[in-house]
Protein backbone atom coordinates (compact mmCIF):
# COMPACT_ATOMS: atom_id res chain seq x y z
CA MET A 1 12.89 45.17 20.08
CA ASN A 2 9.26 45.71 19.76
CA THR A 3 7.43 42.94 18.36
CA GLY A 4 3.67 42.74 16.87
CA VAL A 5 1.68 39.94 17.98
CA LYS A 6 -1.67 38.27 17.45
CA ILE A 7 -3.89 37.14 20.64
CA THR A 8 -6.56 34.44 21.03
CA ALA A 9 -9.51 35.84 22.81
CA PHE A 10 -12.24 35.55 25.53
CA ALA A 11 -15.08 36.92 23.27
CA ALA A 12 -16.39 38.66 26.78
CA ALA A 13 -19.69 39.22 28.04
CA LEU A 14 -18.01 41.95 30.29
CA ALA A 15 -16.80 43.53 27.26
CA ALA A 16 -13.70 41.67 27.48
CA THR A 17 -11.61 41.02 24.24
CA PHE A 18 -8.12 40.11 23.13
CA GLY A 19 -6.80 42.31 20.36
CA THR A 20 -3.62 42.16 17.98
CA ALA A 21 -0.65 44.34 19.12
CA TYR A 22 1.59 45.63 16.38
CA GLY A 23 3.86 47.52 18.06
CA VAL A 24 5.26 47.98 21.77
CA GLY A 25 4.30 51.71 23.24
CA LYS A 26 1.74 52.44 20.65
CA GLY A 27 -1.85 52.73 21.29
CA VAL A 28 -3.69 49.46 20.75
CA GLY A 29 -7.47 48.85 20.98
CA PRO A 30 -9.53 45.75 20.44
CA VAL A 31 -9.55 44.98 16.71
CA GLU A 32 -11.35 41.89 14.97
CA GLU A 33 -8.92 39.14 14.76
CA PRO A 34 -7.96 37.47 11.59
CA ARG A 35 -9.05 33.94 10.92
CA LYS A 36 -5.52 33.08 10.81
CA ALA A 37 -5.21 32.51 14.46
CA GLU A 38 -6.51 29.05 15.17
CA HIS A 39 -6.75 29.36 18.91
CA GLY A 40 -9.19 32.50 18.38
CA ASP A 41 -11.81 29.53 17.89
CA HIS A 42 -11.61 29.15 21.54
CA ALA A 43 -13.38 32.49 22.21
CA THR A 44 -15.99 32.21 25.07
CA ALA A 45 -17.49 34.78 27.11
CA PRO A 46 -16.47 34.77 30.75
CA ALA A 47 -18.33 33.89 33.83
CA PRO A 48 -18.18 34.65 37.42
CA SER A 49 -15.88 32.31 39.60
CA LYS A 50 -17.67 29.45 41.03
CA THR A 51 -18.69 29.25 44.65
CA PRO A 52 -16.05 27.75 46.58
CA ALA A 53 -16.52 24.13 47.55
CA ALA A 54 -16.10 22.61 51.15
CA ASP A 55 -12.42 21.69 50.47
CA GLY A 56 -11.83 25.27 49.49
CA HIS A 57 -11.34 25.21 45.81
CA ALA A 58 -13.81 26.34 43.09
CA GLY A 59 -16.67 24.50 42.07
CA HIS A 60 -15.80 21.80 39.49
CA ASP A 61 -17.90 21.53 36.20
CA GLU A 62 -16.83 18.09 35.51
CA GLY A 63 -20.34 16.97 35.16
CA ALA A 64 -21.60 19.55 33.14
CA THR A 65 -22.47 19.15 29.28
CA THR A 66 -22.48 22.78 28.47
CA ALA A 67 -26.08 23.62 27.37
CA ALA A 68 -24.47 27.34 26.98
CA PRO A 69 -20.94 26.89 26.20
CA ALA A 70 -20.58 30.68 24.83
CA ASP A 71 -21.28 31.71 28.44
CA LEU A 72 -18.16 30.14 29.75
CA PRO A 73 -14.37 30.83 29.55
CA GLY A 74 -12.26 27.80 28.32
CA GLY A 75 -11.42 24.98 30.71
CA LEU A 76 -14.28 25.25 32.85
CA GLN A 77 -16.16 22.31 31.44
CA VAL A 78 -15.14 18.53 30.68
CA SER A 79 -17.85 18.33 27.65
CA GLN A 80 -18.34 20.53 25.03
CA ASP A 81 -19.85 20.62 21.68
CA GLY A 82 -20.34 16.68 21.89
CA TYR A 83 -16.65 16.21 22.64
CA THR A 84 -15.54 14.84 26.36
CA LEU A 85 -12.17 14.79 28.06
CA ALA A 86 -11.82 11.42 29.31
CA LEU A 87 -9.10 10.96 31.83
CA ASP A 88 -7.76 7.21 32.11
CA THR A 89 -5.49 8.24 34.92
CA PRO A 90 -7.27 10.73 37.23
CA THR A 91 -5.39 9.61 40.46
CA PRO A 92 -1.70 9.77 39.50
CA PRO A 93 0.94 9.21 42.06
CA ALA A 94 3.12 12.22 43.11
CA GLY A 95 6.49 12.38 41.26
CA ARG A 96 6.79 11.14 37.41
CA SER A 97 4.00 9.13 36.08
CA VAL A 98 2.28 8.61 32.46
CA LEU A 99 -0.82 10.37 32.33
CA LYS A 100 -3.28 8.88 29.64
CA PHE A 101 -6.54 10.19 28.46
CA SER A 102 -8.81 10.33 25.16
CA ILE A 103 -11.18 12.87 23.45
CA LYS A 104 -14.60 11.16 23.14
CA ASP A 105 -17.49 12.19 20.59
CA ALA A 106 -20.91 12.25 21.13
CA THR A 107 -21.23 8.50 20.56
CA GLY A 108 -18.61 7.58 23.34
CA ARG A 109 -15.74 6.73 20.63
CA ASN A 110 -12.25 8.34 20.73
CA VAL A 111 -11.53 10.90 18.50
CA THR A 112 -8.47 10.32 16.22
CA ALA A 113 -8.58 13.34 13.65
CA PHE A 114 -7.65 16.57 14.81
CA THR A 115 -6.33 19.92 13.18
CA THR A 116 -2.88 20.58 13.69
CA GLU A 117 -2.44 24.04 15.30
CA HIS A 118 0.92 25.51 16.32
CA GLY A 119 2.76 22.31 15.46
CA LYS A 120 0.52 19.99 17.74
CA GLU A 121 -2.65 18.31 17.23
CA LEU A 122 -3.41 18.82 20.83
CA HIS A 123 -1.98 21.00 23.50
CA PHE A 124 -2.12 19.63 27.18
CA ILE A 125 -1.62 21.81 30.17
CA VAL A 126 -1.89 20.38 33.95
CA ALA A 127 -1.56 23.01 36.76
CA SER A 128 -2.23 22.63 40.31
CA ARG A 129 -4.87 24.20 42.08
CA ASP A 130 -3.01 26.68 43.99
CA LEU A 131 -1.23 27.53 40.76
CA ASN A 132 2.04 27.12 41.88
CA THR A 133 2.98 23.90 39.62
CA PHE A 134 2.61 24.30 35.87
CA ARG A 135 3.12 21.75 33.10
CA HIS A 136 2.84 22.62 29.09
CA LEU A 137 2.87 19.03 28.06
CA HIS A 138 3.26 17.21 24.40
CA PRO A 139 1.47 13.86 24.52
CA VAL A 140 1.50 10.96 22.13
CA LYS A 141 -1.32 9.77 20.28
CA ALA A 142 -2.03 5.95 19.49
CA ALA A 143 -3.84 4.72 16.73
CA ASP A 144 -6.92 4.02 18.85
CA GLY A 145 -7.03 7.63 19.85
CA THR A 146 -5.50 7.16 23.47
CA TRP A 147 -3.17 9.79 24.57
CA SER A 148 -0.06 9.35 26.88
CA VAL A 149 2.59 11.66 28.12
CA ASP A 150 4.92 11.57 30.99
CA ALA A 151 4.54 14.19 33.69
CA ASP A 152 6.01 15.17 36.99
CA LEU A 153 3.47 16.18 39.48
CA PRO A 154 5.37 16.86 42.59
CA ALA A 155 3.13 16.95 45.38
CA ALA A 156 -0.25 15.73 46.52
CA GLY A 157 -3.25 17.74 46.09
CA GLY A 158 -5.99 18.92 43.39
CA TYR A 159 -4.94 19.65 39.79
CA LYS A 160 -6.59 20.25 36.48
CA ALA A 161 -5.77 19.50 33.13
CA PHE A 162 -6.75 21.24 30.30
CA ALA A 163 -7.13 19.76 26.57
CA ASP A 164 -6.67 22.44 23.94
CA PHE A 165 -7.67 21.19 20.35
CA LYS A 166 -9.66 21.48 17.15
CA PRO A 167 -11.47 18.32 15.73
CA ALA A 168 -10.78 17.89 12.07
CA THR A 169 -14.38 18.05 10.95
CA PRO A 170 -15.60 20.94 8.68
CA GLY A 171 -17.08 23.74 10.33
CA ALA A 172 -15.14 22.60 13.71
CA LYS A 173 -13.96 25.25 16.10
CA GLY A 174 -11.19 24.85 18.72
CA ILE A 175 -12.27 23.99 22.12
CA THR A 176 -10.49 23.77 25.60
CA LEU A 177 -11.86 21.36 28.00
CA GLY A 178 -10.78 20.79 31.28
CA ALA A 179 -10.86 17.93 34.03
CA ASP A 180 -9.75 17.25 37.61
CA LEU A 181 -6.72 15.22 38.63
CA ALA A 182 -6.36 14.39 42.07
CA VAL A 183 -2.78 13.14 43.57
CA PRO A 184 -3.29 11.34 46.51
CA GLY A 185 -1.53 12.14 50.02
CA ALA A 186 -1.50 14.84 52.69
CA HIS A 187 -1.92 17.95 50.99
CA ALA A 188 -0.38 21.34 52.06
CA PRO A 189 -1.39 23.95 49.71
CA LYS A 190 0.85 26.69 49.13
CA PRO A 191 0.00 30.42 48.96
CA LEU A 192 -0.45 32.14 45.63
CA PRO A 193 2.77 33.79 44.73
CA ALA A 194 2.90 37.52 45.27
CA VAL A 195 2.56 39.87 42.51
CA ALA A 196 5.88 41.00 41.34
CA PRO A 197 6.90 42.39 38.14
CA THR A 198 9.75 40.30 37.38
CA ALA A 199 10.15 36.31 37.34
CA THR A 200 13.54 34.57 37.50
CA VAL A 201 14.02 31.26 35.80
CA ASP A 202 17.22 29.51 34.82
CA GLY A 203 19.38 32.44 35.04
CA TYR A 204 16.76 34.69 32.79
CA GLN A 205 14.82 37.62 34.38
CA VAL A 206 11.47 38.08 32.67
CA ARG A 207 9.96 41.71 33.33
CA LEU A 208 6.15 42.23 33.12
CA GLY A 209 4.89 45.55 32.48
CA GLY A 210 1.78 47.15 31.53
CA THR A 211 -1.78 46.82 32.90
CA LEU A 212 -4.38 44.29 33.14
CA ASP A 213 -8.02 45.85 33.73
CA PRO A 214 -11.35 44.44 33.69
CA GLY A 215 -13.41 45.43 30.61
CA GLU A 216 -10.87 47.73 29.45
CA ALA A 217 -8.00 46.95 26.81
CA GLY A 218 -4.25 47.40 28.34
CA GLU A 219 -0.70 46.30 26.98
CA LEU A 220 1.24 43.73 28.68
CA ARG A 221 5.14 43.64 27.79
CA LEU A 222 7.31 40.61 28.65
CA THR A 223 10.91 41.69 28.53
CA VAL A 224 13.55 38.60 28.41
CA THR A 225 17.18 39.43 29.60
CA LYS A 226 20.21 37.16 31.06
CA ALA A 227 22.95 38.75 33.15
CA GLY A 228 21.26 42.12 32.61
CA LYS A 229 21.61 41.78 28.84
CA PRO A 230 18.61 41.67 26.50
CA VAL A 231 18.19 38.64 24.88
CA THR A 232 17.45 39.30 21.28
CA ASP A 233 17.60 35.95 19.74
CA LEU A 234 14.97 34.04 21.23
CA GLN A 235 13.87 30.75 19.28
CA PRO A 236 10.44 29.68 17.78
CA TYR A 237 8.67 27.46 19.84
CA LEU A 238 5.72 25.60 18.30
CA GLY A 239 5.90 28.62 15.85
CA ALA A 240 5.88 31.45 17.86
CA TYR A 241 8.37 33.42 20.20
CA GLY A 242 6.45 33.29 23.18
CA HIS A 243 3.27 31.46 24.28
CA LEU A 244 1.17 32.60 27.09
CA VAL A 245 -1.43 30.86 29.24
CA ALA A 246 -3.65 32.62 31.62
CA LEU A 247 -5.52 30.95 34.75
CA ARG A 248 -7.96 32.96 36.96
CA ASP A 249 -7.16 32.12 40.41
CA GLY A 250 -10.25 30.05 42.23
CA ASP A 251 -11.95 28.28 39.17
CA LEU A 252 -8.79 28.20 36.94
CA ALA A 253 -10.53 29.75 33.75
CA TYR A 254 -8.19 29.23 31.01
CA LEU A 255 -6.83 31.29 28.37
CA HIS A 256 -4.02 30.43 25.62
CA VAL A 257 -2.59 33.11 23.73
CA HIS A 258 0.07 33.31 21.05
CA PRO A 259 2.20 35.93 19.28
CA ASN A 260 1.86 35.98 15.61
CA GLU A 261 4.54 38.02 14.12
CA GLY A 262 7.65 40.03 15.41
CA GLY A 263 10.64 38.61 17.45
CA PRO A 264 12.93 37.46 18.19
CA GLY A 265 13.14 39.33 21.47
CA PRO A 266 13.58 40.94 23.91
CA ASP A 267 10.00 41.86 24.09
CA VAL A 268 6.97 39.93 23.63
CA SER A 269 4.01 41.93 23.96
CA PHE A 270 0.19 41.79 23.76
CA THR A 271 -2.98 43.70 24.28
CA ALA A 272 -5.19 42.14 26.97
CA THR A 273 -8.63 42.78 28.59
CA ALA A 274 -9.30 40.66 31.98
CA PRO A 275 -12.58 38.88 31.43
CA SER A 276 -13.44 39.69 35.16
CA PRO A 277 -11.91 41.62 38.27
CA GLY A 278 -9.61 39.27 40.08
CA THR A 279 -6.31 37.74 40.48
CA TYR A 280 -4.70 35.77 37.26
CA ARG A 281 -1.56 33.89 37.13
CA LEU A 282 0.36 34.13 33.95
CA PHE A 283 2.71 31.80 32.43
CA LEU A 284 5.01 32.56 29.52
CA ASP A 285 6.93 29.79 27.88
CA PHE A 286 9.95 31.04 25.59
CA GLN A 287 12.88 29.13 24.07
CA HIS A 288 16.48 29.96 23.99
CA GLN A 289 19.52 27.79 23.32
CA GLY A 290 17.41 25.13 22.55
CA LYS A 291 15.45 24.81 25.81
CA VAL A 292 11.81 26.02 26.61
CA ARG A 293 11.62 28.02 30.02
CA THR A 294 8.60 29.13 32.05
CA ALA A 295 8.31 32.41 33.47
CA ALA A 296 5.30 32.95 35.72
CA PHE A 297 3.68 35.96 37.24
CA THR A 298 0.44 36.82 39.38
CA VAL A 299 -1.42 39.67 38.36
CA THR A 300 -4.34 41.37 39.97
CA THR A 301 -6.57 43.52 37.84
CA GLY A 302 -7.00 47.42 38.56
CA SER A 303 -3.20 48.17 39.05
CA ALA A 304 -2.76 51.10 37.40
CA LYS A 305 0.93 50.05 36.73
CA ALA A 306 3.32 47.29 37.47
CA PRO A 307 4.22 47.25 41.11
CA ALA A 308 8.10 48.14 42.62
CA PRO A 309 10.44 45.43 42.04
CA ALA A 310 9.85 42.38 44.84
CA ALA A 311 11.59 39.18 45.27
CA ALA A 312 9.73 36.88 43.04
CA GLU A 313 9.33 33.21 44.09
CA PRO A 314 10.35 30.83 41.29
CA THR A 315 7.03 28.84 40.10
CA ASP A 316 7.50 25.15 39.91
CA GLY A 317 7.21 25.37 36.05
CA ALA A 318 10.84 25.47 34.75
CA ALA A 319 10.79 21.82 34.12
CA GLY A 320 7.04 22.12 33.01
CA HIS A 321 7.59 21.02 29.22
CA ALA A 322 7.58 17.51 28.30
CA HIS A 323 7.54 15.47 24.67
CA GLY A 324 6.62 12.29 24.59
């Protein structure tokens, strides 16, 4: 079944924009996105990846207060537009633990009022720096504006936390802030999983088709099957039949996109333009039979077509959803 979707976007200084795909297989170009898409408020222009630091990771922006936030993709700054992501637990232990954080305003006070988007006041993502672990978490907010959530970070190493939210103030726009987490212990980073068109999770196969090119719109289509049969009864999850988070390898520039119309499967499609040349990790959340699964793909820009089938390495994301 072909599904139409609406995509939130990077407003691209490299001519990168995200549009809305209203039919799988039809020609689609960048279009002006209706205000209905709350995550469209996160539009920012892309920037080149940071120069790697001595530890091999991209440079961090955790001290920046964003003199020119429009020049950066989401998630690269810990502070933007007067708001700051403050981690109370920046060095959690490996395994299960409770992460706590708050969103501070320009005066240093905890923000307590947010606009509900896609069923939640705030979306919280944690990903490892090597992009092998991905967690889409749903924290609980206390009356004083402190958020907490149970999380499973399986191994020592560097992680990045993303808070995706919209303050409940007149004229406020959506913001994605990013801050570093460090799990103590001996760190053994894994290589980035190989580019492959199919991901397997919990017995489901998800095939990625289409192209991803810098500066040029292309259609990506994700098709969900199980035991060789199309899954045509996907269930809404946070108001959509599929959620996609894209992270750029190196600096972990963040993009959160949502289908807007159509469903319930087996296809979820969108039109995308890469904000820059490079390698990206795509994480698709979909719900079926009451459980949310995450299918992950590595995509390199410039490929004319999806590569030939290859063994796909499962990403540590199948249990990446936690509800506080």
